[in-house]
Amino acid sequence: MTCLLVVAKAPVAGFAKTRLSPEIGARQAARLAAAALLDTLDAVLTTPDTIPVVAVTGDLTRAERAAELATALAHCTVIPQRGHDFATRLANAHADIATLHSGLPVLQIGMDTPQLHPELLAESIDTLHTPGTDAVLGPATDGGWWALGLRSPVHATVLREVPMSRPDTGARTNHALRRAGLTVSELPQLSDVDTVADAFQVAALAPMGRFAAEMLAEVPG
């Protein structure tokens, strides 16, 4: 059994996906964020032999598609994010899981890769469970990472020293894990959604999902 951790912002206008707001507006950006989160939760909830945990920041009652999100999240353990910056919140989420589900490995993802599917999540977990592997890291095309798996979530404390949202965040995370003595395996590279161009690319990879439908409805191409 493995914990599947989703780290998410409540898809509230002006709070989520703010880098898209100048191009498409705050509400449309939040609606895309909600669709991405729902698609992500679909993949998580259909991945076998996992315990879904969602670490959230923000007010879900004010979120776009709040009712749909509430229905999906009813099947997950929902915990609040804790910390003054993103790196600290990530480390604390892993620490909270170590308390909630002691002894279980964790695969952490975000809500920016709605093209994820259960098969890729299952393959990533299998890689994490490979003998001799302590951690897995999924690089993102922007230099960050879309997934981090740890056989022991206490090792997520190394994230506290890694600057986030930078072109070298992925490389710095990999270095921090290896410096802690962990053996790291690499997962396939994915694109997350930071720009409208990213969003069109990701929507094309999962054309049947909510994110693609919302993208076509909100931002005709």
N, C-alpha and C. Protein backbone atom coordinates (compact mmCIF):
# COMPACT_ATOMS: atom_id res chain seq x y z
N MET A 1 0.84 -1.20 0.00
CA MET A 1 0.00 0.00 0.00
C MET A 1 0.88 1.25 0.00
N THR A 2 0.44 2.27 -0.74
CA THR A 2 1.18 3.52 -0.87
C THR A 2 0.23 4.69 -0.70
N CYS A 3 0.68 5.74 -0.03
CA CYS A 3 -0.12 6.97 0.05
C CYS A 3 0.10 7.78 -1.21
N LEU A 4 -0.98 8.17 -1.84
CA LEU A 4 -0.93 9.08 -2.99
C LEU A 4 -1.32 10.46 -2.48
N LEU A 5 -0.35 11.36 -2.44
CA LEU A 5 -0.56 12.69 -1.87
C LEU A 5 -0.71 13.71 -3.00
N VAL A 6 -1.84 14.42 -2.99
CA VAL A 6 -2.06 15.52 -3.92
C VAL A 6 -1.93 16.83 -3.14
N VAL A 7 -1.05 17.70 -3.60
CA VAL A 7 -0.88 19.01 -2.98
C VAL A 7 -1.60 20.02 -3.86
N ALA A 8 -2.59 20.71 -3.28
CA ALA A 8 -3.49 21.51 -4.10
C ALA A 8 -3.83 22.85 -3.47
N LYS A 9 -4.08 23.83 -4.34
CA LYS A 9 -4.69 25.09 -3.94
C LYS A 9 -6.18 25.03 -4.24
N ALA A 10 -6.99 25.55 -3.34
CA ALA A 10 -8.42 25.65 -3.64
C ALA A 10 -8.59 26.51 -4.89
N PRO A 11 -9.33 26.03 -5.88
CA PRO A 11 -9.47 26.78 -7.14
C PRO A 11 -10.42 27.97 -7.01
N VAL A 12 -9.94 28.99 -6.35
CA VAL A 12 -10.69 30.22 -6.10
C VAL A 12 -10.12 31.32 -6.99
N ALA A 13 -10.97 32.10 -7.60
CA ALA A 13 -10.53 33.19 -8.48
C ALA A 13 -9.60 34.14 -7.73
N GLY A 14 -8.48 34.43 -8.35
CA GLY A 14 -7.50 35.31 -7.73
C GLY A 14 -6.54 34.61 -6.79
N PHE A 15 -6.75 33.31 -6.56
CA PHE A 15 -5.90 32.55 -5.63
C PHE A 15 -5.16 31.43 -6.34
N ALA A 16 -5.85 30.73 -7.24
CA ALA A 16 -5.27 29.60 -7.96
C ALA A 16 -4.97 29.98 -9.40
N LYS A 17 -3.87 29.45 -9.92
CA LYS A 17 -3.46 29.65 -11.31
C LYS A 17 -3.38 31.13 -11.67
N THR A 18 -2.80 31.91 -10.80
CA THR A 18 -2.74 33.36 -11.01
C THR A 18 -1.85 33.73 -12.19
N ARG A 19 -0.92 32.86 -12.57
CA ARG A 19 -0.07 33.18 -13.72
C ARG A 19 -0.86 33.14 -15.03
N LEU A 20 -2.01 32.44 -15.03
CA LEU A 20 -2.86 32.43 -16.21
C LEU A 20 -3.81 33.63 -16.25
N SER A 21 -4.05 34.24 -15.11
CA SER A 21 -5.07 35.28 -15.00
C SER A 21 -4.88 36.45 -15.96
N PRO A 22 -3.66 36.95 -16.16
CA PRO A 22 -3.53 38.09 -17.08
C PRO A 22 -3.98 37.79 -18.50
N GLU A 23 -3.91 36.51 -18.90
CA GLU A 23 -4.28 36.15 -20.27
C GLU A 23 -5.75 35.78 -20.42
N ILE A 24 -6.32 35.15 -19.40
CA ILE A 24 -7.68 34.64 -19.56
C ILE A 24 -8.64 35.10 -18.48
N GLY A 25 -8.16 35.83 -17.48
CA GLY A 25 -9.02 36.29 -16.40
C GLY A 25 -8.97 35.36 -15.19
N ALA A 26 -9.20 35.93 -14.01
CA ALA A 26 -9.05 35.19 -12.76
C ALA A 26 -10.07 34.06 -12.63
N ARG A 27 -11.33 34.31 -13.01
CA ARG A 27 -12.35 33.25 -12.85
C ARG A 27 -12.08 32.10 -13.81
N GLN A 28 -11.75 32.43 -15.04
CA GLN A 28 -11.46 31.36 -16.01
C GLN A 28 -10.25 30.54 -15.56
N ALA A 29 -9.24 31.21 -15.02
CA ALA A 29 -8.06 30.49 -14.52
C ALA A 29 -8.45 29.54 -13.39
N ALA A 30 -9.32 30.00 -12.50
CA ALA A 30 -9.76 29.16 -11.39
C ALA A 30 -10.59 27.98 -11.88
N ARG A 31 -11.38 28.19 -12.91
CA ARG A 31 -12.18 27.09 -13.46
C ARG A 31 -11.26 26.03 -14.09
N LEU A 32 -10.21 26.47 -14.74
CA LEU A 32 -9.24 25.51 -15.27
C LEU A 32 -8.55 24.75 -14.14
N ALA A 33 -8.24 25.47 -13.06
CA ALA A 33 -7.62 24.81 -11.91
C ALA A 33 -8.55 23.77 -11.31
N ALA A 34 -9.84 24.08 -11.22
CA ALA A 34 -10.80 23.12 -10.68
C ALA A 34 -10.89 21.89 -11.57
N ALA A 35 -10.93 22.10 -12.88
CA ALA A 35 -11.00 20.97 -13.81
C ALA A 35 -9.75 20.11 -13.71
N ALA A 36 -8.58 20.76 -13.59
CA ALA A 36 -7.33 20.01 -13.45
C ALA A 36 -7.33 19.18 -12.17
N LEU A 37 -7.79 19.77 -11.09
CA LEU A 37 -7.83 19.04 -9.82
C LEU A 37 -8.79 17.86 -9.89
N LEU A 38 -9.95 18.06 -10.51
CA LEU A 38 -10.92 16.96 -10.63
C LEU A 38 -10.36 15.83 -11.49
N ASP A 39 -9.70 16.17 -12.59
CA ASP A 39 -9.10 15.13 -13.43
C ASP A 39 -8.01 14.38 -12.66
N THR A 40 -7.22 15.13 -11.89
CA THR A 40 -6.17 14.51 -11.08
C THR A 40 -6.76 13.56 -10.05
N LEU A 41 -7.82 14.00 -9.39
CA LEU A 41 -8.46 13.13 -8.39
C LEU A 41 -9.06 11.89 -9.02
N ASP A 42 -9.60 12.00 -10.24
CA ASP A 42 -10.09 10.81 -10.95
C ASP A 42 -8.97 9.79 -11.09
N ALA A 43 -7.79 10.25 -11.52
CA ALA A 43 -6.66 9.33 -11.71
C ALA A 43 -6.23 8.73 -10.38
N VAL A 44 -6.16 9.55 -9.36
CA VAL A 44 -5.73 9.08 -8.04
C VAL A 44 -6.69 8.04 -7.49
N LEU A 45 -7.97 8.32 -7.59
CA LEU A 45 -8.97 7.45 -6.96
C LEU A 45 -9.16 6.13 -7.70
N THR A 46 -8.61 6.03 -8.91
CA THR A 46 -8.71 4.76 -9.65
C THR A 46 -7.35 4.06 -9.75
N THR A 47 -6.38 4.51 -8.98
CA THR A 47 -5.08 3.83 -8.91
C THR A 47 -5.13 2.79 -7.80
N PRO A 48 -4.89 1.52 -8.10
CA PRO A 48 -5.08 0.47 -7.08
C PRO A 48 -4.04 0.51 -5.98
N ASP A 49 -4.44 -0.04 -4.85
CA ASP A 49 -3.54 -0.25 -3.70
C ASP A 49 -2.93 1.06 -3.21
N THR A 50 -3.74 2.10 -3.15
CA THR A 50 -3.26 3.39 -2.67
C THR A 50 -4.25 3.98 -1.67
N ILE A 51 -3.73 4.87 -0.85
CA ILE A 51 -4.55 5.66 0.08
C ILE A 51 -4.46 7.11 -0.36
N PRO A 52 -5.57 7.71 -0.82
CA PRO A 52 -5.51 9.08 -1.32
C PRO A 52 -5.56 10.10 -0.19
N VAL A 53 -4.61 11.03 -0.21
CA VAL A 53 -4.55 12.12 0.75
C VAL A 53 -4.39 13.41 -0.03
N VAL A 54 -5.16 14.43 0.33
CA VAL A 54 -5.08 15.72 -0.35
C VAL A 54 -4.73 16.79 0.68
N ALA A 55 -3.61 17.47 0.46
CA ALA A 55 -3.21 18.57 1.32
C ALA A 55 -3.61 19.87 0.63
N VAL A 56 -4.49 20.63 1.26
CA VAL A 56 -5.12 21.78 0.61
C VAL A 56 -4.77 23.06 1.34
N THR A 57 -4.58 24.12 0.55
CA THR A 57 -4.55 25.46 1.10
C THR A 57 -5.66 26.26 0.43
N GLY A 58 -6.31 27.14 1.19
CA GLY A 58 -7.41 27.93 0.65
C GLY A 58 -8.77 27.40 1.04
N ASP A 59 -9.79 28.16 0.71
CA ASP A 59 -11.17 27.88 1.13
C ASP A 59 -11.92 27.13 0.03
N LEU A 60 -12.10 25.82 0.24
CA LEU A 60 -12.78 25.01 -0.78
C LEU A 60 -14.25 25.38 -0.94
N THR A 61 -14.86 25.98 0.05
CA THR A 61 -16.28 26.36 -0.08
C THR A 61 -16.46 27.49 -1.08
N ARG A 62 -15.40 28.23 -1.38
CA ARG A 62 -15.47 29.32 -2.35
C ARG A 62 -14.93 28.91 -3.72
N ALA A 63 -14.59 27.65 -3.85
CA ALA A 63 -13.93 27.18 -5.07
C ALA A 63 -14.91 27.07 -6.23
N GLU A 64 -14.38 27.19 -7.43
CA GLU A 64 -15.14 26.83 -8.62
C GLU A 64 -15.42 25.32 -8.57
N ARG A 65 -16.60 24.94 -9.04
CA ARG A 65 -17.02 23.53 -9.06
C ARG A 65 -16.93 22.91 -7.67
N ALA A 66 -17.32 23.69 -6.67
CA ALA A 66 -17.17 23.28 -5.27
C ALA A 66 -17.92 21.99 -4.97
N ALA A 67 -19.12 21.82 -5.52
CA ALA A 67 -19.90 20.63 -5.22
C ALA A 67 -19.23 19.37 -5.78
N GLU A 68 -18.73 19.46 -7.00
CA GLU A 68 -18.03 18.31 -7.59
C GLU A 68 -16.77 17.97 -6.79
N LEU A 69 -16.05 19.00 -6.39
CA LEU A 69 -14.85 18.77 -5.61
C LEU A 69 -15.18 18.13 -4.26
N ALA A 70 -16.25 18.57 -3.63
CA ALA A 70 -16.64 17.99 -2.35
C ALA A 70 -16.95 16.50 -2.50
N THR A 71 -17.61 16.14 -3.59
CA THR A 71 -17.94 14.73 -3.83
C THR A 71 -16.68 13.90 -4.00
N ALA A 72 -15.73 14.41 -4.80
CA ALA A 72 -14.48 13.67 -5.01
C ALA A 72 -13.65 13.59 -3.74
N LEU A 73 -13.57 14.70 -3.02
CA LEU A 73 -12.74 14.74 -1.83
C LEU A 73 -13.31 13.92 -0.68
N ALA A 74 -14.60 13.58 -0.76
CA ALA A 74 -15.19 12.72 0.27
C ALA A 74 -14.54 11.35 0.29
N HIS A 75 -13.87 10.97 -0.79
CA HIS A 75 -13.20 9.68 -0.87
C HIS A 75 -11.72 9.78 -0.49
N CYS A 76 -11.30 10.95 -0.04
CA CYS A 76 -9.89 11.18 0.31
C CYS A 76 -9.78 11.64 1.76
N THR A 77 -8.60 11.46 2.33
CA THR A 77 -8.27 12.14 3.58
C THR A 77 -7.78 13.53 3.21
N VAL A 78 -8.43 14.56 3.73
CA VAL A 78 -8.08 15.94 3.41
C VAL A 78 -7.39 16.56 4.62
N ILE A 79 -6.20 17.11 4.41
CA ILE A 79 -5.45 17.75 5.48
C ILE A 79 -5.08 19.16 5.05
N PRO A 80 -4.93 20.08 6.01
CA PRO A 80 -4.52 21.44 5.65
C PRO A 80 -3.02 21.51 5.42
N GLN A 81 -2.63 22.36 4.49
CA GLN A 81 -1.20 22.63 4.35
C GLN A 81 -0.75 23.52 5.51
N ARG A 82 0.48 23.28 5.97
CA ARG A 82 1.02 24.05 7.09
C ARG A 82 2.37 24.63 6.70
N GLY A 83 2.57 25.91 6.96
CA GLY A 83 3.87 26.50 6.70
C GLY A 83 3.77 27.84 6.00
N HIS A 84 4.84 28.61 6.11
CA HIS A 84 4.83 29.98 5.58
C HIS A 84 5.28 30.05 4.13
N ASP A 85 5.89 28.99 3.61
CA ASP A 85 6.29 28.98 2.20
C ASP A 85 6.01 27.58 1.63
N PHE A 86 6.10 27.49 0.29
CA PHE A 86 5.69 26.26 -0.38
C PHE A 86 6.57 25.08 0.02
N ALA A 87 7.89 25.29 0.11
CA ALA A 87 8.79 24.19 0.47
C ALA A 87 8.45 23.64 1.84
N THR A 88 8.16 24.52 2.78
CA THR A 88 7.81 24.09 4.13
C THR A 88 6.48 23.34 4.13
N ARG A 89 5.52 23.82 3.34
CA ARG A 89 4.22 23.14 3.28
C ARG A 89 4.36 21.74 2.70
N LEU A 90 5.22 21.58 1.69
CA LEU A 90 5.45 20.25 1.13
C LEU A 90 6.05 19.31 2.18
N ALA A 91 7.09 19.78 2.84
CA ALA A 91 7.75 18.95 3.85
C ALA A 91 6.78 18.58 4.97
N ASN A 92 5.97 19.55 5.39
CA ASN A 92 5.01 19.28 6.47
C ASN A 92 3.92 18.30 6.03
N ALA A 93 3.51 18.36 4.78
CA ALA A 93 2.50 17.40 4.30
C ALA A 93 3.02 15.97 4.38
N HIS A 94 4.26 15.77 4.01
CA HIS A 94 4.86 14.43 4.13
C HIS A 94 4.97 14.02 5.60
N ALA A 95 5.35 14.97 6.44
CA ALA A 95 5.46 14.66 7.87
C ALA A 95 4.09 14.28 8.45
N ASP A 96 3.04 14.97 8.02
CA ASP A 96 1.70 14.65 8.50
C ASP A 96 1.28 13.25 8.06
N ILE A 97 1.64 12.87 6.84
CA ILE A 97 1.31 11.53 6.37
C ILE A 97 2.10 10.48 7.16
N ALA A 98 3.35 10.79 7.49
CA ALA A 98 4.13 9.85 8.30
C ALA A 98 3.46 9.59 9.64
N THR A 99 2.73 10.58 10.14
CA THR A 99 1.98 10.40 11.39
C THR A 99 0.67 9.67 11.15
N LEU A 100 -0.04 10.05 10.09
CA LEU A 100 -1.35 9.44 9.80
C LEU A 100 -1.23 7.99 9.36
N HIS A 101 -0.22 7.70 8.54
CA HIS A 101 -0.07 6.37 7.95
C HIS A 101 1.38 5.92 8.13
N SER A 102 1.74 5.66 9.34
CA SER A 102 3.12 5.33 9.69
C SER A 102 3.61 4.11 8.91
N GLY A 103 4.81 4.25 8.34
CA GLY A 103 5.44 3.13 7.67
C GLY A 103 5.14 3.00 6.20
N LEU A 104 4.20 3.81 5.68
CA LEU A 104 3.85 3.71 4.26
C LEU A 104 4.65 4.69 3.42
N PRO A 105 5.06 4.25 2.23
CA PRO A 105 5.71 5.19 1.30
C PRO A 105 4.69 6.18 0.75
N VAL A 106 5.20 7.28 0.17
CA VAL A 106 4.34 8.35 -0.34
C VAL A 106 4.78 8.71 -1.76
N LEU A 107 3.80 8.83 -2.65
CA LEU A 107 4.03 9.45 -3.95
C LEU A 107 3.23 10.74 -3.98
N GLN A 108 3.95 11.86 -4.08
CA GLN A 108 3.31 13.18 -4.07
C GLN A 108 3.23 13.75 -5.48
N ILE A 109 2.06 14.28 -5.82
CA ILE A 109 1.86 14.98 -7.08
C ILE A 109 1.14 16.29 -6.80
N GLY A 110 1.05 17.13 -7.83
CA GLY A 110 0.31 18.37 -7.70
C GLY A 110 -1.00 18.29 -8.47
N MET A 111 -1.56 19.46 -8.79
CA MET A 111 -2.81 19.51 -9.54
C MET A 111 -2.60 20.14 -10.91
N ASP A 112 -1.33 20.26 -11.33
CA ASP A 112 -0.99 20.93 -12.58
C ASP A 112 -0.78 19.96 -13.74
N THR A 113 -1.01 18.68 -13.54
CA THR A 113 -0.77 17.68 -14.59
C THR A 113 -2.04 16.84 -14.79
N PRO A 114 -3.11 17.46 -15.31
CA PRO A 114 -4.36 16.70 -15.49
C PRO A 114 -4.27 15.61 -16.56
N GLN A 115 -3.15 15.55 -17.28
CA GLN A 115 -2.94 14.46 -18.24
C GLN A 115 -2.52 13.16 -17.57
N LEU A 116 -2.31 13.20 -16.25
CA LEU A 116 -1.96 11.98 -15.52
C LEU A 116 -3.05 10.93 -15.66
N HIS A 117 -2.64 9.67 -15.67
CA HIS A 117 -3.61 8.58 -15.71
C HIS A 117 -3.19 7.51 -14.72
N PRO A 118 -4.11 6.65 -14.32
CA PRO A 118 -3.79 5.65 -13.28
C PRO A 118 -2.62 4.76 -13.64
N GLU A 119 -2.45 4.45 -14.92
CA GLU A 119 -1.37 3.55 -15.31
C GLU A 119 -0.01 4.18 -15.01
N LEU A 120 0.14 5.48 -15.30
CA LEU A 120 1.41 6.15 -15.02
C LEU A 120 1.65 6.26 -13.51
N LEU A 121 0.60 6.53 -12.75
CA LEU A 121 0.75 6.57 -11.30
C LEU A 121 1.16 5.20 -10.76
N ALA A 122 0.52 4.15 -11.27
CA ALA A 122 0.86 2.79 -10.81
C ALA A 122 2.30 2.43 -11.19
N GLU A 123 2.72 2.81 -12.40
CA GLU A 123 4.10 2.54 -12.81
C GLU A 123 5.09 3.31 -11.94
N SER A 124 4.74 4.54 -11.58
CA SER A 124 5.61 5.34 -10.73
C SER A 124 5.74 4.71 -9.35
N ILE A 125 4.64 4.20 -8.84
CA ILE A 125 4.67 3.53 -7.53
C ILE A 125 5.49 2.25 -7.61
N ASP A 126 5.34 1.50 -8.70
CA ASP A 126 6.15 0.30 -8.88
C ASP A 126 7.64 0.64 -8.87
N THR A 127 8.01 1.74 -9.53
CA THR A 127 9.41 2.16 -9.55
C THR A 127 9.87 2.50 -8.14
N LEU A 128 9.02 3.17 -7.37
CA LEU A 128 9.37 3.52 -5.99
C LEU A 128 9.61 2.27 -5.15
N HIS A 129 8.87 1.20 -5.45
CA HIS A 129 8.99 -0.03 -4.67
C HIS A 129 10.11 -0.95 -5.18
N THR A 130 10.82 -0.54 -6.22
CA THR A 130 11.92 -1.36 -6.73
C THR A 130 13.02 -1.48 -5.67
N PRO A 131 13.49 -2.69 -5.39
CA PRO A 131 14.56 -2.84 -4.38
C PRO A 131 15.75 -1.94 -4.70
N GLY A 132 16.24 -1.27 -3.68
CA GLY A 132 17.38 -0.38 -3.84
C GLY A 132 17.01 1.05 -4.16
N THR A 133 15.73 1.32 -4.42
CA THR A 133 15.28 2.68 -4.71
C THR A 133 14.70 3.30 -3.45
N ASP A 134 15.19 4.47 -3.10
CA ASP A 134 14.68 5.20 -1.93
C ASP A 134 13.70 6.30 -2.31
N ALA A 135 13.85 6.82 -3.52
CA ALA A 135 13.03 7.96 -3.94
C ALA A 135 12.87 7.94 -5.45
N VAL A 136 11.78 8.53 -5.93
CA VAL A 136 11.60 8.76 -7.36
C VAL A 136 11.27 10.24 -7.56
N LEU A 137 11.69 10.78 -8.70
CA LEU A 137 11.45 12.18 -9.00
C LEU A 137 11.02 12.29 -10.46
N GLY A 138 9.89 12.96 -10.68
CA GLY A 138 9.38 13.16 -12.03
C GLY A 138 9.67 14.57 -12.49
N PRO A 139 10.60 14.77 -13.41
CA PRO A 139 10.93 16.11 -13.85
C PRO A 139 9.83 16.74 -14.68
N ALA A 140 9.70 18.05 -14.56
CA ALA A 140 8.77 18.82 -15.38
C ALA A 140 9.55 19.59 -16.44
N THR A 141 8.91 19.91 -17.53
CA THR A 141 9.59 20.55 -18.65
C THR A 141 10.08 21.95 -18.31
N ASP A 142 9.53 22.56 -17.27
CA ASP A 142 9.96 23.91 -16.90
C ASP A 142 11.14 23.92 -15.93
N GLY A 143 11.68 22.73 -15.64
CA GLY A 143 12.81 22.64 -14.73
C GLY A 143 12.43 22.27 -13.30
N GLY A 144 11.15 22.21 -13.03
CA GLY A 144 10.68 21.77 -11.72
C GLY A 144 10.45 20.26 -11.70
N TRP A 145 9.48 19.82 -10.91
CA TRP A 145 9.13 18.42 -10.88
C TRP A 145 7.63 18.27 -10.63
N TRP A 146 7.07 17.19 -11.20
CA TRP A 146 5.63 16.95 -11.07
C TRP A 146 5.33 15.87 -10.04
N ALA A 147 6.32 15.07 -9.68
CA ALA A 147 6.09 13.98 -8.72
C ALA A 147 7.34 13.75 -7.89
N LEU A 148 7.11 13.43 -6.63
CA LEU A 148 8.19 13.03 -5.72
C LEU A 148 7.69 11.85 -4.91
N GLY A 149 8.39 10.75 -5.00
CA GLY A 149 8.05 9.57 -4.21
C GLY A 149 9.14 9.26 -3.22
N LEU A 150 8.75 8.90 -2.01
CA LEU A 150 9.71 8.59 -0.95
C LEU A 150 9.30 7.30 -0.24
N ARG A 151 10.25 6.37 -0.13
CA ARG A 151 9.96 5.16 0.63
C ARG A 151 9.70 5.51 2.09
N SER A 152 10.39 6.52 2.59
CA SER A 152 10.17 7.01 3.95
C SER A 152 9.89 8.51 3.87
N PRO A 153 8.66 8.95 4.15
CA PRO A 153 8.32 10.36 3.96
C PRO A 153 9.08 11.32 4.87
N VAL A 154 9.74 10.81 5.90
CA VAL A 154 10.51 11.71 6.77
C VAL A 154 11.63 12.39 6.00
N HIS A 155 12.07 11.78 4.89
CA HIS A 155 13.15 12.37 4.10
C HIS A 155 12.71 13.64 3.36
N ALA A 156 11.41 13.92 3.35
CA ALA A 156 10.93 15.15 2.70
C ALA A 156 11.42 16.40 3.39
N THR A 157 12.02 16.25 4.56
CA THR A 157 12.57 17.41 5.25
C THR A 157 13.63 18.11 4.40
N VAL A 158 14.27 17.39 3.45
CA VAL A 158 15.28 18.03 2.60
C VAL A 158 14.67 19.12 1.73
N LEU A 159 13.35 19.06 1.50
CA LEU A 159 12.70 20.07 0.66
C LEU A 159 12.76 21.46 1.27
N ARG A 160 12.92 21.53 2.58
CA ARG A 160 12.94 22.83 3.25
C ARG A 160 14.10 23.70 2.75
N GLU A 161 15.14 23.07 2.22
CA GLU A 161 16.31 23.83 1.77
C GLU A 161 16.32 24.06 0.26
N VAL A 162 15.25 23.64 -0.43
CA VAL A 162 15.22 23.74 -1.89
C VAL A 162 14.35 24.93 -2.31
N PRO A 163 14.88 25.88 -3.05
CA PRO A 163 14.05 26.97 -3.58
C PRO A 163 13.05 26.43 -4.60
N MET A 164 11.80 26.79 -4.45
CA MET A 164 10.75 26.28 -5.33
C MET A 164 10.44 27.28 -6.46
N SER A 165 9.76 26.76 -7.49
CA SER A 165 9.28 27.57 -8.62
C SER A 165 10.43 28.26 -9.34
N ARG A 166 11.53 27.52 -9.54
CA ARG A 166 12.67 28.04 -10.28
C ARG A 166 13.06 27.04 -11.37
N PRO A 167 13.77 27.50 -12.40
CA PRO A 167 14.16 26.59 -13.47
C PRO A 167 15.09 25.47 -13.02
N ASP A 168 15.72 25.64 -11.85
CA ASP A 168 16.61 24.59 -11.35
C ASP A 168 16.06 23.86 -10.13
N THR A 169 14.76 24.02 -9.86
CA THR A 169 14.18 23.36 -8.70
C THR A 169 14.31 21.84 -8.79
N GLY A 170 14.08 21.28 -9.97
CA GLY A 170 14.20 19.83 -10.12
C GLY A 170 15.60 19.33 -9.84
N ALA A 171 16.59 20.02 -10.42
CA ALA A 171 17.98 19.62 -10.20
C ALA A 171 18.37 19.78 -8.74
N ARG A 172 17.93 20.86 -8.11
CA ARG A 172 18.26 21.09 -6.71
C ARG A 172 17.60 20.04 -5.81
N THR A 173 16.37 19.65 -6.15
CA THR A 173 15.69 18.61 -5.36
C THR A 173 16.42 17.28 -5.49
N ASN A 174 16.79 16.93 -6.71
CA ASN A 174 17.53 15.69 -6.93
C ASN A 174 18.83 15.70 -6.13
N HIS A 175 19.53 16.82 -6.17
CA HIS A 175 20.79 16.93 -5.44
C HIS A 175 20.58 16.80 -3.93
N ALA A 176 19.51 17.45 -3.41
CA ALA A 176 19.24 17.39 -1.97
C ALA A 176 18.93 15.96 -1.53
N LEU A 177 18.18 15.24 -2.35
CA LEU A 177 17.85 13.84 -2.01
C LEU A 177 19.10 12.97 -2.01
N ARG A 178 19.94 13.13 -3.02
CA ARG A 178 21.16 12.32 -3.10
C ARG A 178 22.14 12.70 -2.00
N ARG A 179 22.20 13.98 -1.65
CA ARG A 179 23.09 14.41 -0.57
C ARG A 179 22.66 13.81 0.76
N ALA A 180 21.35 13.51 0.88
CA ALA A 180 20.84 12.85 2.10
C ALA A 180 21.10 11.35 2.09
N GLY A 181 21.77 10.86 1.05
CA GLY A 181 22.12 9.44 0.98
C GLY A 181 21.08 8.57 0.30
N LEU A 182 20.09 9.17 -0.39
CA LEU A 182 19.03 8.40 -1.02
C LEU A 182 19.40 8.03 -2.45
N THR A 183 18.96 6.85 -2.86
CA THR A 183 19.07 6.43 -4.25
C THR A 183 17.82 6.87 -4.99
N VAL A 184 17.98 7.68 -6.03
CA VAL A 184 16.84 8.32 -6.71
C VAL A 184 16.69 7.76 -8.11
N SER A 185 15.47 7.34 -8.46
CA SER A 185 15.15 6.93 -9.83
C SER A 185 14.28 8.01 -10.48
N GLU A 186 14.49 8.20 -11.78
CA GLU A 186 13.77 9.26 -12.49
C GLU A 186 12.51 8.70 -13.16
N LEU A 187 11.43 9.45 -13.06
CA LEU A 187 10.17 9.13 -13.72
C LEU A 187 10.10 9.87 -15.06
N PRO A 188 9.13 9.54 -15.91
CA PRO A 188 9.00 10.27 -17.17
C PRO A 188 8.77 11.77 -16.95
N GLN A 189 9.25 12.56 -17.89
CA GLN A 189 9.06 14.01 -17.83
C GLN A 189 7.66 14.38 -18.31
N LEU A 190 7.03 15.31 -17.59
CA LEU A 190 5.71 15.82 -17.99
C LEU A 190 5.74 17.34 -18.01
N SER A 191 4.78 17.90 -18.73
CA SER A 191 4.58 19.35 -18.71
C SER A 191 3.47 19.69 -17.74
N ASP A 192 3.71 20.68 -16.88
CA ASP A 192 2.62 21.18 -16.05
C ASP A 192 2.06 22.45 -16.70
N VAL A 193 1.13 23.11 -16.03
CA VAL A 193 0.39 24.21 -16.65
C VAL A 193 0.74 25.52 -15.97
N ASP A 194 1.59 26.30 -16.61
CA ASP A 194 1.93 27.62 -16.11
C ASP A 194 1.48 28.73 -17.06
N THR A 195 1.30 28.38 -18.34
CA THR A 195 0.91 29.36 -19.35
C THR A 195 -0.25 28.81 -20.17
N VAL A 196 -0.86 29.68 -20.96
CA VAL A 196 -1.94 29.22 -21.84
C VAL A 196 -1.40 28.23 -22.86
N ALA A 197 -0.19 28.46 -23.35
CA ALA A 197 0.41 27.50 -24.29
C ALA A 197 0.57 26.14 -23.64
N ASP A 198 1.02 26.11 -22.38
CA ASP A 198 1.10 24.84 -21.63
C ASP A 198 -0.27 24.17 -21.57
N ALA A 199 -1.28 24.99 -21.28
CA ALA A 199 -2.63 24.45 -21.09
C ALA A 199 -3.14 23.78 -22.37
N PHE A 200 -2.91 24.40 -23.53
CA PHE A 200 -3.32 23.79 -24.79
C PHE A 200 -2.58 22.47 -25.01
N GLN A 201 -1.28 22.45 -24.71
CA GLN A 201 -0.49 21.25 -24.90
C GLN A 201 -0.99 20.12 -24.00
N VAL A 202 -1.24 20.42 -22.74
CA VAL A 202 -1.71 19.41 -21.80
C VAL A 202 -3.12 18.93 -22.17
N ALA A 203 -3.98 19.86 -22.58
CA ALA A 203 -5.34 19.47 -22.96
C ALA A 203 -5.32 18.50 -24.14
N ALA A 204 -4.38 18.68 -25.07
CA ALA A 204 -4.30 17.80 -26.23
C ALA A 204 -3.89 16.39 -25.83
N LEU A 205 -3.18 16.26 -24.70
CA LEU A 205 -2.74 14.94 -24.24
C LEU A 205 -3.86 14.17 -23.54
N ALA A 206 -4.88 14.88 -23.08
CA ALA A 206 -6.01 14.23 -22.39
C ALA A 206 -7.30 14.86 -22.89
N PRO A 207 -7.63 14.64 -24.16
CA PRO A 207 -8.74 15.37 -24.79
C PRO A 207 -10.12 15.04 -24.24
N MET A 208 -10.26 13.93 -23.50
CA MET A 208 -11.56 13.53 -22.97
C MET A 208 -11.79 14.03 -21.55
N GLY A 209 -10.81 14.70 -20.97
CA GLY A 209 -10.92 15.12 -19.57
C GLY A 209 -11.66 16.43 -19.39
N ARG A 210 -11.96 16.75 -18.14
CA ARG A 210 -12.62 18.01 -17.80
C ARG A 210 -11.74 19.20 -18.18
N PHE A 211 -10.42 19.04 -17.96
CA PHE A 211 -9.52 20.15 -18.24
C PHE A 211 -9.58 20.53 -19.72
N ALA A 212 -9.54 19.56 -20.60
CA ALA A 212 -9.61 19.85 -22.02
C ALA A 212 -10.94 20.50 -22.39
N ALA A 213 -12.03 20.00 -21.83
CA ALA A 213 -13.35 20.59 -22.11
C ALA A 213 -13.42 22.02 -21.63
N GLU A 214 -12.88 22.27 -20.44
CA GLU A 214 -12.89 23.62 -19.89
C GLU A 214 -11.98 24.54 -20.70
N MET A 215 -10.86 24.01 -21.14
CA MET A 215 -9.93 24.80 -21.95
C MET A 215 -10.60 25.25 -23.24
N LEU A 216 -11.30 24.36 -23.89
CA LEU A 216 -11.98 24.71 -25.14
C LEU A 216 -13.12 25.68 -24.91
N ALA A 217 -13.79 25.52 -23.75
CA ALA A 217 -14.92 26.41 -23.45
C ALA A 217 -14.47 27.81 -23.08
N GLU A 218 -13.37 27.88 -22.33
CA GLU A 218 -12.92 29.18 -21.80
C GLU A 218 -11.95 29.90 -22.72
N VAL A 219 -11.12 29.13 -23.43
CA VAL A 219 -10.07 29.74 -24.25
C VAL A 219 -10.12 29.11 -25.64
N PRO A 220 -11.08 29.49 -26.47
CA PRO A 220 -11.17 28.88 -27.81
C PRO A 220 -9.85 29.04 -28.56
N GLY A 221 -9.38 27.93 -29.12
CA GLY A 221 -8.09 27.95 -29.81
C GLY A 221 -8.22 28.14 -31.28
